[in-house]
Amino acid sequence: MSSIFGAVRSYARSFFSTPAISQEQVALAKETVESLIQSPVVVFSKSYCPYCAILSLSKGARDGQLTVDMLTAGTEAKNILSSLGQSSRMKVLELNQEQNGSAIQRYLAERVGAAKVTVPQVYIKGQPVGGCSDLKKLQAEGKLTSLLA
């Protein structure tokens, strides 16, 4: 009976732990990140991020009721940048779709001196801007457009 509980506990822990990352993966992650952040705008994201995904509400709702039309694959941060004309300048790396995604996310944290980082992580002209709330704050303060210029 205790072996069943042990197996269940190990299985449950697998959802909350990061797999071991080799030195080779770390080196490749560093190379990938340092190369990408030379671009004007880079967003490190995860396609399934529930905190960043936005709902597109249908405009044709009846009786004043808004209905959910679709869940976009993009993040709010990507949509903000796109709305400011950055689509052609923006590179997006979906970490969950990259073989080395965990190592890249770990390197992003190391690069800014943090224990870990959440997604999205936005870089403009090689400088870390932060996440979506940081991007929104810059936009609200009128500073985002000048950073992108």
Protein backbone atom coordinates (compact mmCIF):
# COMPACT_ATOMS: atom_id res chain seq x y z
CA MET A 1 0.00 0.00 0.00
CA SER A 2 2.77 2.48 0.86
CA SER A 3 4.45 1.78 -2.48
CA ILE A 4 1.30 2.99 -4.25
CA PHE A 5 1.33 6.23 -2.26
CA GLY A 6 5.03 6.65 -3.01
CA ALA A 7 4.40 6.21 -6.73
CA VAL A 8 1.52 8.68 -6.64
CA ARG A 9 3.64 11.18 -4.70
CA SER A 10 6.50 10.87 -7.24
CA TYR A 11 4.08 11.30 -10.10
CA ALA A 12 2.53 14.42 -8.51
CA ARG A 13 5.96 15.94 -7.80
CA SER A 14 6.91 15.52 -11.47
CA PHE A 15 4.43 18.30 -12.31
CA PHE A 16 6.15 20.77 -10.00
CA SER A 17 9.81 20.04 -10.57
CA THR A 18 12.08 21.05 -13.39
CA PRO A 19 14.07 18.33 -15.10
CA ALA A 20 17.82 18.38 -14.65
CA ILE A 21 19.54 20.68 -17.12
CA SER A 22 22.98 19.82 -18.45
CA GLN A 23 25.85 22.28 -18.91
CA GLU A 24 25.48 21.78 -22.66
CA GLN A 25 21.82 22.86 -22.46
CA VAL A 26 22.78 25.90 -20.38
CA ALA A 27 25.41 26.91 -22.93
CA LEU A 28 22.93 26.49 -25.78
CA ALA A 29 20.31 28.50 -23.84
CA LYS A 30 22.78 31.33 -23.27
CA GLU A 31 23.71 31.39 -26.95
CA THR A 32 20.04 31.39 -27.99
CA VAL A 33 19.03 34.19 -25.61
CA GLU A 34 22.03 36.41 -26.31
CA SER A 35 21.48 36.03 -30.04
CA LEU A 36 17.75 36.74 -29.88
CA ILE A 37 17.97 39.81 -27.65
CA GLN A 38 20.00 41.56 -30.33
CA SER A 39 16.66 41.89 -32.14
CA PRO A 40 14.68 45.11 -31.64
CA VAL A 41 11.91 43.33 -29.67
CA VAL A 42 11.86 39.81 -28.20
CA VAL A 43 9.12 38.11 -26.23
CA PHE A 44 9.87 34.89 -24.36
CA SER A 45 6.50 33.30 -23.77
CA LYS A 46 4.57 30.05 -23.36
CA SER A 47 1.69 29.39 -25.71
CA TYR A 48 -0.55 28.04 -22.96
CA CYS A 49 0.12 30.66 -20.29
CA PRO A 50 -3.24 31.19 -18.51
CA TYR A 51 -2.09 34.51 -17.07
CA CYS A 52 -1.15 36.00 -20.42
CA ALA A 53 -3.78 34.62 -22.76
CA ILE A 54 -6.53 37.05 -23.56
CA LEU A 55 -10.09 36.46 -24.56
CA SER A 56 -11.49 37.95 -27.69
CA LEU A 57 -15.08 38.94 -26.98
CA SER A 58 -17.55 38.81 -29.82
CA LYS A 59 -19.01 42.13 -30.87
CA GLY A 60 -22.28 40.61 -32.06
CA ALA A 61 -23.59 39.61 -28.65
CA ARG A 62 -27.38 39.76 -28.22
CA ASP A 63 -29.23 41.49 -25.40
CA GLY A 64 -26.10 43.23 -24.18
CA GLN A 65 -24.48 39.92 -23.22
CA LEU A 66 -20.85 39.53 -24.18
CA THR A 67 -19.88 36.02 -25.23
CA VAL A 68 -16.46 34.49 -25.51
CA ASP A 69 -15.73 34.08 -29.20
CA MET A 70 -12.26 32.57 -29.01
CA LEU A 71 -9.12 32.27 -26.96
CA THR A 72 -6.23 33.78 -28.86
CA ALA A 73 -2.93 31.97 -29.00
CA GLY A 74 -1.04 35.19 -28.37
CA THR A 75 -0.32 36.89 -25.12
CA GLU A 76 -1.44 40.30 -24.04
CA ALA A 77 2.17 41.49 -24.18
CA LYS A 78 2.47 40.39 -27.81
CA ASN A 79 -0.81 42.11 -28.62
CA ILE A 80 0.32 45.37 -26.99
CA LEU A 81 3.54 45.33 -29.00
CA SER A 82 1.70 44.42 -32.20
CA SER A 83 -0.76 47.27 -31.68
CA LEU A 84 2.23 49.61 -31.58
CA GLY A 85 3.42 48.39 -34.99
CA GLN A 86 6.11 46.02 -33.72
CA SER A 87 4.91 42.79 -35.38
CA SER A 88 7.56 42.85 -38.09
CA ARG A 89 10.35 43.72 -35.61
CA MET A 90 9.24 41.30 -32.88
CA LYS A 91 10.66 37.83 -32.37
CA VAL A 92 8.67 35.45 -30.19
CA LEU A 93 10.04 32.31 -28.62
CA GLU A 94 7.41 29.99 -27.14
CA LEU A 95 9.44 28.23 -24.44
CA ASN A 96 7.03 25.32 -24.12
CA GLN A 97 7.54 24.54 -27.80
CA GLU A 98 11.34 24.60 -27.60
CA GLN A 99 13.33 21.49 -26.74
CA ASN A 100 15.60 23.65 -24.59
CA GLY A 101 12.79 25.83 -23.19
CA SER A 102 13.44 25.04 -19.50
CA ALA A 103 17.12 25.88 -19.85
CA ILE A 104 16.28 29.12 -21.65
CA GLN A 105 13.87 30.16 -18.90
CA ARG A 106 16.48 29.32 -16.27
CA TYR A 107 19.11 31.38 -18.13
CA LEU A 108 16.69 34.33 -18.41
CA ALA A 109 16.37 34.27 -14.61
CA GLU A 110 20.13 34.00 -14.14
CA ARG A 111 20.67 36.87 -16.57
CA VAL A 112 18.57 39.27 -14.46
CA GLY A 113 19.78 37.91 -11.12
CA ALA A 114 16.52 36.26 -10.13
CA ALA A 115 15.78 32.81 -8.74
CA LYS A 116 13.19 32.34 -11.49
CA VAL A 117 11.26 34.35 -14.04
CA THR A 118 7.69 34.15 -15.22
CA VAL A 119 6.48 34.56 -18.77
CA PRO A 120 6.21 36.59 -20.80
CA GLN A 121 9.64 38.18 -20.55
CA VAL A 122 10.07 41.14 -22.90
CA TYR A 123 13.36 42.57 -24.15
CA ILE A 124 13.56 45.80 -26.11
CA LYS A 125 16.86 46.63 -27.81
CA GLY A 126 18.69 44.11 -25.65
CA GLN A 127 17.35 45.44 -22.35
CA PRO A 128 14.99 43.46 -20.12
CA VAL A 129 11.67 45.26 -19.75
CA GLY A 130 10.01 42.61 -17.58
CA GLY A 131 6.64 40.97 -17.97
CA CYS A 132 3.23 42.00 -19.18
CA SER A 133 2.42 44.21 -16.18
CA ASP A 134 5.73 46.04 -16.64
CA LEU A 135 4.94 46.56 -20.32
CA LYS A 136 1.46 47.88 -19.46
CA LYS A 137 2.93 50.24 -16.89
CA LEU A 138 5.40 51.64 -19.44
CA GLN A 139 2.55 52.08 -21.89
CA ALA A 140 0.34 53.84 -19.30
CA GLU A 141 3.23 56.18 -18.41
CA GLY A 142 3.78 57.00 -22.07
CA LYS A 143 7.31 55.57 -22.05
CA LEU A 144 6.83 52.47 -24.20
CA THR A 145 6.63 54.22 -27.57
CA SER A 146 9.93 56.04 -26.99
CA LEU A 147 11.63 52.79 -25.95
CA LEU A 148 10.49 51.20 -29.19
CA ALA A 149 11.58 54.14 -31.40
